Amino acid sequence: TDHISAYNLTYEEDTEFFRSLLRGEKRQDPDEDASF
């Protein structure tokens, strides 16, 4: 590939991931994100 778009996962409202975050099933770690 000659171009890569590498996106940090964000937990957007009105998504199942966001609802999981609110339920405590998923977590966000800014320090870990920075390592990626």
PDB file of all heavy atoms in Angstrom:
ATOM      1  N   THR A   1       0.835  -1.197   0.000  1.00  0.00           N
ATOM      2  CA  THR A   1       0.000   0.000   0.000  1.00  0.00           C
ATOM      3  C   THR A   1       0.875   1.254   0.000  1.00  0.00           C
ATOM      4  O   THR A   1       1.943   1.273   0.617  1.00  0.00           O
ATOM      5  CB  THR A   1      -0.944   0.015   1.224  1.00  0.00           C
ATOM      6  OG1 THR A   1      -1.740   1.185   1.196  1.00  0.00           O
ATOM      7  CG2 THR A   1      -0.173  -0.020   2.529  1.00  0.00           C
ATOM      8  N   ASP A   2       0.437   2.298  -0.699  1.00  0.00           N
ATOM      9  CA  ASP A   2       1.241   3.522  -0.741  1.00  0.00           C
ATOM     10  C   ASP A   2       0.754   4.575   0.244  1.00  0.00           C
ATOM     11  O   ASP A   2       1.324   5.650   0.350  1.00  0.00           O
ATOM     12  CB  ASP A   2       1.301   4.110  -2.157  1.00  0.00           C
ATOM     13  CG  ASP A   2      -0.066   4.385  -2.770  1.00  0.00           C
ATOM     14  OD1 ASP A   2      -0.993   4.741  -2.024  1.00  0.00           O
ATOM     15  OD2 ASP A   2      -0.202   4.242  -3.999  1.00  0.00           O
ATOM     16  N   HIS A   3      -0.335   4.273   0.959  1.00  0.00           N
ATOM     17  CA  HIS A   3      -0.900   5.219   1.916  1.00  0.00           C
ATOM     18  C   HIS A   3      -1.588   4.435   3.022  1.00  0.00           C
ATOM     19  O   HIS A   3      -2.297   3.463   2.754  1.00  0.00           O
ATOM     20  CB  HIS A   3      -1.914   6.120   1.201  1.00  0.00           C
ATOM     21  CG  HIS A   3      -2.389   7.304   1.984  1.00  0.00           C
ATOM     22  ND1 HIS A   3      -3.228   7.197   3.079  1.00  0.00           N
ATOM     23  CD2 HIS A   3      -2.140   8.633   1.839  1.00  0.00           C
ATOM     24  CE1 HIS A   3      -3.479   8.400   3.562  1.00  0.00           C
ATOM     25  NE2 HIS A   3      -2.829   9.283   2.821  1.00  0.00           N
ATOM     26  N   ILE A   4      -1.368   4.816   4.270  1.00  0.00           N
ATOM     27  CA  ILE A   4      -2.016   4.165   5.406  1.00  0.00           C
ATOM     28  C   ILE A   4      -2.670   5.217   6.282  1.00  0.00           C
ATOM     29  O   ILE A   4      -2.042   6.219   6.641  1.00  0.00           O
ATOM     30  CB  ILE A   4      -1.024   3.336   6.241  1.00  0.00           C
ATOM     31  CG1 ILE A   4      -0.589   2.086   5.456  1.00  0.00           C
ATOM     32  CG2 ILE A   4      -1.639   2.915   7.586  1.00  0.00           C
ATOM     33  CD1 ILE A   4       0.448   1.234   6.160  1.00  0.00           C
ATOM     34  N   SER A   5      -3.951   5.000   6.591  1.00  0.00           N
ATOM     35  CA  SER A   5      -4.655   5.820   7.576  1.00  0.00           C
ATOM     36  C   SER A   5      -4.797   4.974   8.834  1.00  0.00           C
ATOM     37  O   SER A   5      -5.484   3.953   8.820  1.00  0.00           O
ATOM     38  CB  SER A   5      -6.038   6.236   7.056  1.00  0.00           C
ATOM     39  OG  SER A   5      -5.914   7.051   5.906  1.00  0.00           O
ATOM     40  N   ALA A   6      -4.106   5.372   9.898  1.00  0.00           N
ATOM     41  CA  ALA A   6      -4.090   4.602  11.143  1.00  0.00           C
ATOM     42  C   ALA A   6      -4.840   5.384  12.209  1.00  0.00           C
ATOM     43  O   ALA A   6      -4.366   6.424  12.675  1.00  0.00           O
ATOM     44  CB  ALA A   6      -2.650   4.330  11.576  1.00  0.00           C
ATOM     45  N   TYR A   7      -6.008   4.878  12.587  1.00  0.00           N
ATOM     46  CA  TYR A   7      -6.897   5.608  13.487  1.00  0.00           C
ATOM     47  C   TYR A   7      -6.940   4.982  14.877  1.00  0.00           C
ATOM     48  O   TYR A   7      -7.036   3.771  15.026  1.00  0.00           O
ATOM     49  CB  TYR A   7      -8.328   5.626  12.920  1.00  0.00           C
ATOM     50  CG  TYR A   7      -8.457   6.332  11.598  1.00  0.00           C
ATOM     51  CD1 TYR A   7      -8.680   5.616  10.427  1.00  0.00           C
ATOM     52  CD2 TYR A   7      -8.349   7.715  11.519  1.00  0.00           C
ATOM     53  CE1 TYR A   7      -8.804   6.262   9.211  1.00  0.00           C
ATOM     54  CE2 TYR A   7      -8.471   8.371  10.305  1.00  0.00           C
ATOM     55  CZ  TYR A   7      -8.699   7.636   9.151  1.00  0.00           C
ATOM     56  OH  TYR A   7      -8.805   8.279   7.946  1.00  0.00           O
ATOM     57  N   ASN A   8      -6.883   5.854  15.874  1.00  0.00           N
ATOM     58  CA  ASN A   8      -7.110   5.449  17.251  1.00  0.00           C
ATOM     59  C   ASN A   8      -8.602   5.168  17.447  1.00  0.00           C
ATOM     60  O   ASN A   8      -9.442   6.000  17.092  1.00  0.00           O
ATOM     61  CB  ASN A   8      -6.669   6.597  18.162  1.00  0.00           C
ATOM     62  CG  ASN A   8      -6.604   6.228  19.632  1.00  0.00           C
ATOM     63  OD1 ASN A   8      -5.778   6.756  20.358  1.00  0.00           O
ATOM     64  ND2 ASN A   8      -7.458   5.349  20.097  1.00  0.00           N
ATOM     65  N   LEU A   9      -8.957   3.995  17.955  1.00  0.00           N
ATOM     66  CA  LEU A   9     -10.361   3.699  18.219  1.00  0.00           C
ATOM     67  C   LEU A   9     -10.945   4.735  19.176  1.00  0.00           C
ATOM     68  O   LEU A   9     -10.362   5.034  20.219  1.00  0.00           O
ATOM     69  CB  LEU A   9     -10.497   2.305  18.851  1.00  0.00           C
ATOM     70  CG  LEU A   9     -11.900   1.948  19.370  1.00  0.00           C
ATOM     71  CD1 LEU A   9     -12.888   1.805  18.223  1.00  0.00           C
ATOM     72  CD2 LEU A   9     -11.855   0.676  20.204  1.00  0.00           C
ATOM     73  N   THR A  10     -12.071   5.291  18.811  1.00  0.00           N
ATOM     74  CA  THR A  10     -12.804   6.195  19.696  1.00  0.00           C
ATOM     75  C   THR A  10     -14.181   5.594  19.959  1.00  0.00           C
ATOM     76  O   THR A  10     -14.768   4.963  19.087  1.00  0.00           O
ATOM     77  CB  THR A  10     -12.963   7.596  19.079  1.00  0.00           C
ATOM     78  OG1 THR A  10     -13.609   7.483  17.799  1.00  0.00           O
ATOM     79  CG2 THR A  10     -11.623   8.272  18.908  1.00  0.00           C
ATOM     80  N   TYR A  11     -14.665   5.809  21.173  1.00  0.00           N
ATOM     81  CA  TYR A  11     -15.956   5.256  21.564  1.00  0.00           C
ATOM     82  C   TYR A  11     -17.033   6.299  21.299  1.00  0.00           C
ATOM     83  O   TYR A  11     -17.265   7.199  22.096  1.00  0.00           O
ATOM     84  CB  TYR A  11     -15.925   4.843  23.042  1.00  0.00           C
ATOM     85  CG  TYR A  11     -15.009   3.666  23.304  1.00  0.00           C
ATOM     86  CD1 TYR A  11     -13.639   3.843  23.481  1.00  0.00           C
ATOM     87  CD2 TYR A  11     -15.517   2.370  23.345  1.00  0.00           C
ATOM     88  CE1 TYR A  11     -12.805   2.760  23.698  1.00  0.00           C
ATOM     89  CE2 TYR A  11     -14.692   1.281  23.571  1.00  0.00           C
ATOM     90  CZ  TYR A  11     -13.334   1.484  23.746  1.00  0.00           C
ATOM     91  OH  TYR A  11     -12.505   0.400  23.965  1.00  0.00           O
ATOM     92  N   GLU A  12     -17.653   6.179  20.122  1.00  0.00           N
ATOM     93  CA  GLU A  12     -18.647   7.147  19.690  1.00  0.00           C
ATOM     94  C   GLU A  12     -20.018   6.811  20.266  1.00  0.00           C
ATOM     95  O   GLU A  12     -20.388   5.637  20.383  1.00  0.00           O
ATOM     96  CB  GLU A  12     -18.731   7.165  18.162  1.00  0.00           C
ATOM     97  CG  GLU A  12     -17.421   7.457  17.450  1.00  0.00           C
ATOM     98  CD  GLU A  12     -17.019   8.910  17.527  1.00  0.00           C
ATOM     99  OE1 GLU A  12     -17.819   9.718  18.030  1.00  0.00           O
ATOM    100  OE2 GLU A  12     -15.909   9.234  17.061  1.00  0.00           O
ATOM    101  N   GLU A  13     -20.772   7.866  20.604  1.00  0.00           N
ATOM    102  CA  GLU A  13     -22.135   7.641  21.088  1.00  0.00           C
ATOM    103  C   GLU A  13     -22.963   6.921  20.020  1.00  0.00           C
ATOM    104  O   GLU A  13     -22.691   6.997  18.836  1.00  0.00           O
ATOM    105  CB  GLU A  13     -22.787   8.976  21.456  1.00  0.00           C
ATOM    106  CG  GLU A  13     -22.165   9.645  22.676  1.00  0.00           C
ATOM    107  CD  GLU A  13     -22.932  10.873  23.128  1.00  0.00           C
ATOM    108  OE1 GLU A  13     -24.154  10.920  22.886  1.00  0.00           O
ATOM    109  OE2 GLU A  13     -22.300  11.779  23.693  1.00  0.00           O
ATOM    110  N   ASP A  14     -23.964   6.223  20.477  1.00  0.00           N
ATOM    111  CA  ASP A  14     -24.866   5.479  19.602  1.00  0.00           C
ATOM    112  C   ASP A  14     -24.151   4.318  18.906  1.00  0.00           C
ATOM    113  O   ASP A  14     -24.466   3.967  17.761  1.00  0.00           O
ATOM    114  CB  ASP A  14     -25.524   6.391  18.561  1.00  0.00           C
ATOM    115  CG  ASP A  14     -26.754   5.746  17.920  1.00  0.00           C
ATOM    116  OD1 ASP A  14     -27.420   4.949  18.606  1.00  0.00           O
ATOM    117  OD2 ASP A  14     -27.024   6.018  16.740  1.00  0.00           O
ATOM    118  N   THR A  15     -23.162   3.732  19.588  1.00  0.00           N
ATOM    119  CA  THR A  15     -22.516   2.512  19.099  1.00  0.00           C
ATOM    120  C   THR A  15     -22.516   1.484  20.218  1.00  0.00           C
ATOM    121  O   THR A  15     -22.576   1.819  21.403  1.00  0.00           O
ATOM    122  CB  THR A  15     -21.064   2.755  18.657  1.00  0.00           C
ATOM    123  OG1 THR A  15     -20.268   3.100  19.798  1.00  0.00           O
ATOM    124  CG2 THR A  15     -20.974   3.862  17.613  1.00  0.00           C
ATOM    125  N   GLU A  16     -22.409   0.229  19.847  1.00  0.00           N
ATOM    126  CA  GLU A  16     -22.373  -0.840  20.842  1.00  0.00           C
ATOM    127  C   GLU A  16     -21.109  -0.756  21.690  1.00  0.00           C
ATOM    128  O   GLU A  16     -21.137  -1.034  22.902  1.00  0.00           O
ATOM    129  CB  GLU A  16     -22.449  -2.208  20.150  1.00  0.00           C
ATOM    130  CG  GLU A  16     -22.501  -3.384  21.119  1.00  0.00           C
ATOM    131  CD  GLU A  16     -23.611  -3.266  22.153  1.00  0.00           C
ATOM    132  OE1 GLU A  16     -24.729  -2.841  21.799  1.00  0.00           O
ATOM    133  OE2 GLU A  16     -23.344  -3.592  23.337  1.00  0.00           O
ATOM    134  N   PHE A  17     -19.989  -0.329  21.097  1.00  0.00           N
ATOM    135  CA  PHE A  17     -18.758  -0.171  21.869  1.00  0.00           C
ATOM    136  C   PHE A  17     -18.934   0.882  22.968  1.00  0.00           C
ATOM    137  O   PHE A  17     -18.439   0.715  24.082  1.00  0.00           O
ATOM    138  CB  PHE A  17     -17.602   0.210  20.940  1.00  0.00           C
ATOM    139  CG  PHE A  17     -16.826  -0.966  20.420  1.00  0.00           C
ATOM    140  CD1 PHE A  17     -17.413  -2.224  20.296  1.00  0.00           C
ATOM    141  CD2 PHE A  17     -15.508  -0.824  20.026  1.00  0.00           C
ATOM    142  CE1 PHE A  17     -16.702  -3.309  19.812  1.00  0.00           C
ATOM    143  CE2 PHE A  17     -14.784  -1.896  19.545  1.00  0.00           C
ATOM    144  CZ  PHE A  17     -15.374  -3.148  19.433  1.00  0.00           C
ATOM    145  N   PHE A  18     -19.620   1.972  22.652  1.00  0.00           N
ATOM    146  CA  PHE A  18     -19.828   3.029  23.639  1.00  0.00           C
ATOM    147  C   PHE A  18     -20.690   2.511  24.790  1.00  0.00           C
ATOM    148  O   PHE A  18     -20.407   2.780  25.961  1.00  0.00           O
ATOM    149  CB  PHE A  18     -20.489   4.238  22.984  1.00  0.00           C
ATOM    150  CG  PHE A  18     -20.693   5.409  23.915  1.00  0.00           C
ATOM    151  CD1 PHE A  18     -19.627   6.196  24.311  1.00  0.00           C
ATOM    152  CD2 PHE A  18     -21.956   5.713  24.389  1.00  0.00           C
ATOM    153  CE1 PHE A  18     -19.811   7.272  25.162  1.00  0.00           C
ATOM    154  CE2 PHE A  18     -22.156   6.784  25.251  1.00  0.00           C
ATOM    155  CZ  PHE A  18     -21.074   7.567  25.640  1.00  0.00           C
ATOM    156  N   ARG A  19     -21.729   1.755  24.441  1.00  0.00           N
ATOM    157  CA  ARG A  19     -22.582   1.194  25.494  1.00  0.00           C
ATOM    158  C   ARG A  19     -21.798   0.218  26.366  1.00  0.00           C
ATOM    159  O   ARG A  19     -21.993   0.165  27.591  1.00  0.00           O
ATOM    160  CB  ARG A  19     -23.800   0.519  24.861  1.00  0.00           C
ATOM    161  CG  ARG A  19     -24.800   1.531  24.267  1.00  0.00           C
ATOM    162  CD  ARG A  19     -26.069   0.872  23.776  1.00  0.00           C
ATOM    163  NE  ARG A  19     -25.874   0.186  22.506  1.00  0.00           N
ATOM    164  CZ  ARG A  19     -25.982   0.772  21.321  1.00  0.00           C
ATOM    165  NH1 ARG A  19     -26.267   2.071  21.234  1.00  0.00           N
ATOM    166  NH2 ARG A  19     -25.806   0.085  20.200  1.00  0.00           N
ATOM    167  N   SER A  20     -20.869  -0.541  25.767  1.00  0.00           N
ATOM    168  CA  SER A  20     -20.023  -1.439  26.547  1.00  0.00           C
ATOM    169  C   SER A  20     -19.100  -0.665  27.474  1.00  0.00           C
ATOM    170  O   SER A  20     -18.830  -1.091  28.596  1.00  0.00           O
ATOM    171  CB  SER A  20     -19.177  -2.319  25.618  1.00  0.00           C
ATOM    172  OG  SER A  20     -19.934  -3.314  25.015  1.00  0.00           O
ATOM    173  N   LEU A  21     -18.619   0.489  26.984  1.00  0.00           N
ATOM    174  CA  LEU A  21     -17.764   1.336  27.813  1.00  0.00           C
ATOM    175  C   LEU A  21     -18.539   1.835  29.031  1.00  0.00           C
ATOM    176  O   LEU A  21     -18.026   1.817  30.158  1.00  0.00           O
ATOM    177  CB  LEU A  21     -17.251   2.514  26.983  1.00  0.00           C
ATOM    178  CG  LEU A  21     -16.248   3.457  27.659  1.00  0.00           C
ATOM    179  CD1 LEU A  21     -14.921   2.751  27.901  1.00  0.00           C
ATOM    180  CD2 LEU A  21     -16.027   4.707  26.797  1.00  0.00           C
ATOM    181  N   LEU A  22     -19.767   2.262  28.815  1.00  0.00           N
ATOM    182  CA  LEU A  22     -20.595   2.752  29.924  1.00  0.00           C
ATOM    183  C   LEU A  22     -20.892   1.646  30.931  1.00  0.00           C
ATOM    184  O   LEU A  22     -21.004   1.902  32.136  1.00  0.00           O
ATOM    185  CB  LEU A  22     -21.903   3.334  29.390  1.00  0.00           C
ATOM    186  CG  LEU A  22     -21.803   4.599  28.537  1.00  0.00           C
ATOM    187  CD1 LEU A  22     -23.193   5.056  28.109  1.00  0.00           C
ATOM    188  CD2 LEU A  22     -21.093   5.718  29.294  1.00  0.00           C
ATOM    189  N   ARG A  23     -21.011   0.412  30.442  1.00  0.00           N
ATOM    190  CA  ARG A  23     -21.282  -0.721  31.330  1.00  0.00           C
ATOM    191  C   ARG A  23     -20.035  -1.200  32.047  1.00  0.00           C
ATOM    192  O   ARG A  23     -20.094  -2.089  32.903  1.00  0.00           O
ATOM    193  CB  ARG A  23     -21.881  -1.884  30.535  1.00  0.00           C
ATOM    194  CG  ARG A  23     -23.286  -1.623  30.001  1.00  0.00           C
ATOM    195  CD  ARG A  23     -23.930  -2.919  29.490  1.00  0.00           C
ATOM    196  NE  ARG A  23     -23.209  -3.502  28.374  1.00  0.00           N
ATOM    197  CZ  ARG A  23     -23.508  -3.316  27.097  1.00  0.00           C
ATOM    198  NH1 ARG A  23     -24.532  -2.515  26.759  1.00  0.00           N
ATOM    199  NH2 ARG A  23     -22.815  -3.894  26.143  1.00  0.00           N
ATOM    200  N   GLY A  24     -18.884  -0.629  31.720  1.00  0.00           N
ATOM    201  CA  GLY A  24     -17.644  -1.033  32.349  1.00  0.00           C
ATOM    202  C   GLY A  24     -17.010  -2.259  31.744  1.00  0.00           C
ATOM    203  O   GLY A  24     -16.051  -2.814  32.291  1.00  0.00           O
ATOM    204  N   GLU A  25     -17.511  -2.701  30.596  1.00  0.00           N
ATOM    205  CA  GLU A  25     -16.980  -3.893  29.947  1.00  0.00           C
ATOM    206  C   GLU A  25     -15.730  -3.587  29.124  1.00  0.00           C
ATOM    207  O   GLU A  25     -14.960  -4.491  28.811  1.00  0.00           O
ATOM    208  CB  GLU A  25     -18.055  -4.506  29.048  1.00  0.00           C
ATOM    209  CG  GLU A  25     -19.291  -4.956  29.801  1.00  0.00           C
ATOM    210  CD  GLU A  25     -20.468  -5.263  28.895  1.00  0.00           C
ATOM    211  OE1 GLU A  25     -20.337  -5.098  27.661  1.00  0.00           O
ATOM    212  OE2 GLU A  25     -21.521  -5.657  29.426  1.00  0.00           O
ATOM    213  N   LYS A  26     -15.551  -2.335  28.754  1.00  0.00           N
ATOM    214  CA  LYS A  26     -14.363  -1.903  28.031  1.00  0.00           C
ATOM    215  C   LYS A  26     -13.779  -0.685  28.744  1.00  0.00           C
ATOM    216  O   LYS A  26     -14.474  -0.003  29.501  1.00  0.00           O
ATOM    217  CB  LYS A  26     -14.698  -1.558  26.578  1.00  0.00           C
ATOM    218  CG  LYS A  26     -15.070  -2.782  25.744  1.00  0.00           C
ATOM    219  CD  LYS A  26     -15.342  -2.399  24.306  1.00  0.00           C
ATOM    220  CE  LYS A  26     -15.509  -3.630  23.420  1.00  0.00           C
ATOM    221  NZ  LYS A  26     -16.618  -4.487  23.845  1.00  0.00           N
ATOM    222  N   ARG A  27     -12.514  -0.417  28.499  1.00  0.00           N
ATOM    223  CA  ARG A  27     -11.875   0.715  29.165  1.00  0.00           C
ATOM    224  C   ARG A  27     -10.969   1.448  28.184  1.00  0.00           C
ATOM    225  O   ARG A  27     -10.550   0.893  27.160  1.00  0.00           O
ATOM    226  CB  ARG A  27     -11.057   0.247  30.365  1.00  0.00           C
ATOM    227  CG  ARG A  27      -9.860  -0.617  30.002  1.00  0.00           C
ATOM    228  CD  ARG A  27      -9.099  -1.087  31.228  1.00  0.00           C
ATOM    229  NE  ARG A  27      -7.911  -1.859  30.833  1.00  0.00           N
ATOM    230  CZ  ARG A  27      -6.737  -1.303  30.567  1.00  0.00           C
ATOM    231  NH1 ARG A  27      -6.595   0.020  30.626  1.00  0.00           N
ATOM    232  NH2 ARG A  27      -5.710  -2.049  30.208  1.00  0.00           N
ATOM    233  N   GLN A  28     -10.664   2.694  28.495  1.00  0.00           N
ATOM    234  CA  GLN A  28      -9.740   3.487  27.706  1.00  0.00           C
ATOM    235  C   GLN A  28      -8.528   3.819  28.555  1.00  0.00           C
ATOM    236  O   GLN A  28      -8.662   4.167  29.739  1.00  0.00           O
ATOM    237  CB  GLN A  28     -10.410   4.788  27.244  1.00  0.00           C
ATOM    238  CG  GLN A  28     -11.460   4.603  26.165  1.00  0.00           C
ATOM    239  CD  GLN A  28     -12.079   5.920  25.755  1.00  0.00           C
ATOM    240  OE1 GLN A  28     -12.748   6.565  26.549  1.00  0.00           O
ATOM    241  NE2 GLN A  28     -11.867   6.327  24.514  1.00  0.00           N
ATOM    242  N   ASP A  29      -7.352   3.718  27.974  1.00  0.00           N
ATOM    243  CA  ASP A  29      -6.100   4.024  28.670  1.00  0.00           C
ATOM    244  C   ASP A  29      -5.274   4.960  27.788  1.00  0.00           C
ATOM    245  O   ASP A  29      -4.633   4.511  26.834  1.00  0.00           O
ATOM    246  CB  ASP A  29      -5.330   2.734  28.954  1.00  0.00           C
ATOM    247  CG  ASP A  29      -4.077   2.979  29.796  1.00  0.00           C
ATOM    248  OD1 ASP A  29      -3.605   4.129  29.839  1.00  0.00           O
ATOM    249  OD2 ASP A  29      -3.590   2.018  30.395  1.00  0.00           O
ATOM    250  N   PRO A  30      -5.280   6.261  28.083  1.00  0.00           N
ATOM    251  CA  PRO A  30      -4.550   7.229  27.241  1.00  0.00           C
ATOM    252  C   PRO A  30      -3.072   6.893  27.096  1.00  0.00           C
ATOM    253  O   PRO A  30      -2.494   7.100  26.014  1.00  0.00           O
ATOM    254  CB  PRO A  30      -4.756   8.557  27.980  1.00  0.00           C
ATOM    255  CG  PRO A  30      -6.035   8.367  28.741  1.00  0.00           C
ATOM    256  CD  PRO A  30      -6.017   6.927  29.166  1.00  0.00           C
ATOM    257  N   ASP A  31      -2.446   6.377  28.159  1.00  0.00           N
ATOM    258  CA  ASP A  31      -1.021   6.036  28.071  1.00  0.00           C
ATOM    259  C   ASP A  31      -0.800   4.880  27.101  1.00  0.00           C
ATOM    260  O   ASP A  31       0.169   4.869  26.332  1.00  0.00           O
ATOM    261  CB  ASP A  31      -0.482   5.654  29.456  1.00  0.00           C
ATOM    262  CG  ASP A  31      -0.437   6.843  30.406  1.00  0.00           C
ATOM    263  OD1 ASP A  31      -0.329   7.988  29.914  1.00  0.00           O
ATOM    264  OD2 ASP A  31      -0.514   6.632  31.625  1.00  0.00           O
ATOM    265  N   GLU A  32      -1.705   3.906  27.136  1.00  0.00           N
ATOM    266  CA  GLU A  32      -1.608   2.779  26.220  1.00  0.00           C
ATOM    267  C   GLU A  32      -1.837   3.243  24.782  1.00  0.00           C
ATOM    268  O   GLU A  32      -1.141   2.818  23.859  1.00  0.00           O
ATOM    269  CB  GLU A  32      -2.638   1.717  26.601  1.00  0.00           C
ATOM    270  CG  GLU A  32      -2.512   0.420  25.825  1.00  0.00           C
ATOM    271  CD  GLU A  32      -3.495  -0.623  26.319  1.00  0.00           C
ATOM    272  OE1 GLU A  32      -4.662  -0.584  25.856  1.00  0.00           O
ATOM    273  OE2 GLU A  32      -3.116  -1.448  27.172  1.00  0.00           O
ATOM    274  N   ASP A  33      -2.808   4.129  24.593  1.00  0.00           N
ATOM    275  CA  ASP A  33      -3.077   4.675  23.260  1.00  0.00           C
ATOM    276  C   ASP A  33      -1.843   5.370  22.703  1.00  0.00           C
ATOM    277  O   ASP A  33      -1.513   5.238  21.515  1.00  0.00           O
ATOM    278  CB  ASP A  33      -4.238   5.664  23.317  1.00  0.00           C
ATOM    279  CG  ASP A  33      -5.575   4.986  23.630  1.00  0.00           C
ATOM    280  OD1 ASP A  33      -5.597   3.748  23.758  1.00  0.00           O
ATOM    281  OD2 ASP A  33      -6.575   5.711  23.748  1.00  0.00           O
ATOM    282  N   ALA A  34      -1.135   6.106  23.561  1.00  0.00           N
ATOM    283  CA  ALA A  34       0.070   6.826  23.130  1.00  0.00           C
ATOM    284  C   ALA A  34       1.152   5.855  22.672  1.00  0.00           C
ATOM    285  O   ALA A  34       1.880   6.126  21.709  1.00  0.00           O
ATOM    286  CB  ALA A  34       0.586   7.702  24.266  1.00  0.00           C
ATOM    287  N   SER A  35       1.243   4.696  23.315  1.00  0.00           N
ATOM    288  CA  SER A  35       2.236   3.694  22.924  1.00  0.00           C
ATOM    289  C   SER A  35       1.946   3.164  21.528  1.00  0.00           C
ATOM    290  O   SER A  35       2.858   2.961  20.721  1.00  0.00           O
ATOM    291  CB  SER A  35       2.241   2.540  23.931  1.00  0.00           C
ATOM    292  OG  SER A  35       2.625   3.000  25.222  1.00  0.00           O
ATOM    293  N   PHE A  36       0.677   2.948  21.227  1.00  0.00           N
ATOM    294  CA  PHE A  36       0.291   2.505  19.883  1.00  0.00           C
ATOM    295  C   PHE A  36       0.655   3.573  18.849  1.00  0.00           C
ATOM    296  O   PHE A  36       1.182   3.275  17.777  1.00  0.00           O
ATOM    297  CB  PHE A  36      -1.210   2.229  19.819  1.00  0.00           C
ATOM    298  CG  PHE A  36      -1.619   0.882  20.356  1.00  0.00           C
ATOM    299  CD1 PHE A  36      -2.103   0.757  21.642  1.00  0.00           C
ATOM    300  CD2 PHE A  36      -1.525  -0.252  19.563  1.00  0.00           C
ATOM    301  CE1 PHE A  36      -2.493  -0.486  22.137  1.00  0.00           C
ATOM    302  CE2 PHE A  36      -1.909  -1.495  20.037  1.00  0.00           C
ATOM    303  CZ  PHE A  36      -2.401  -1.617  21.340  1.00  0.00           C
TER     304      PHE A  36
END
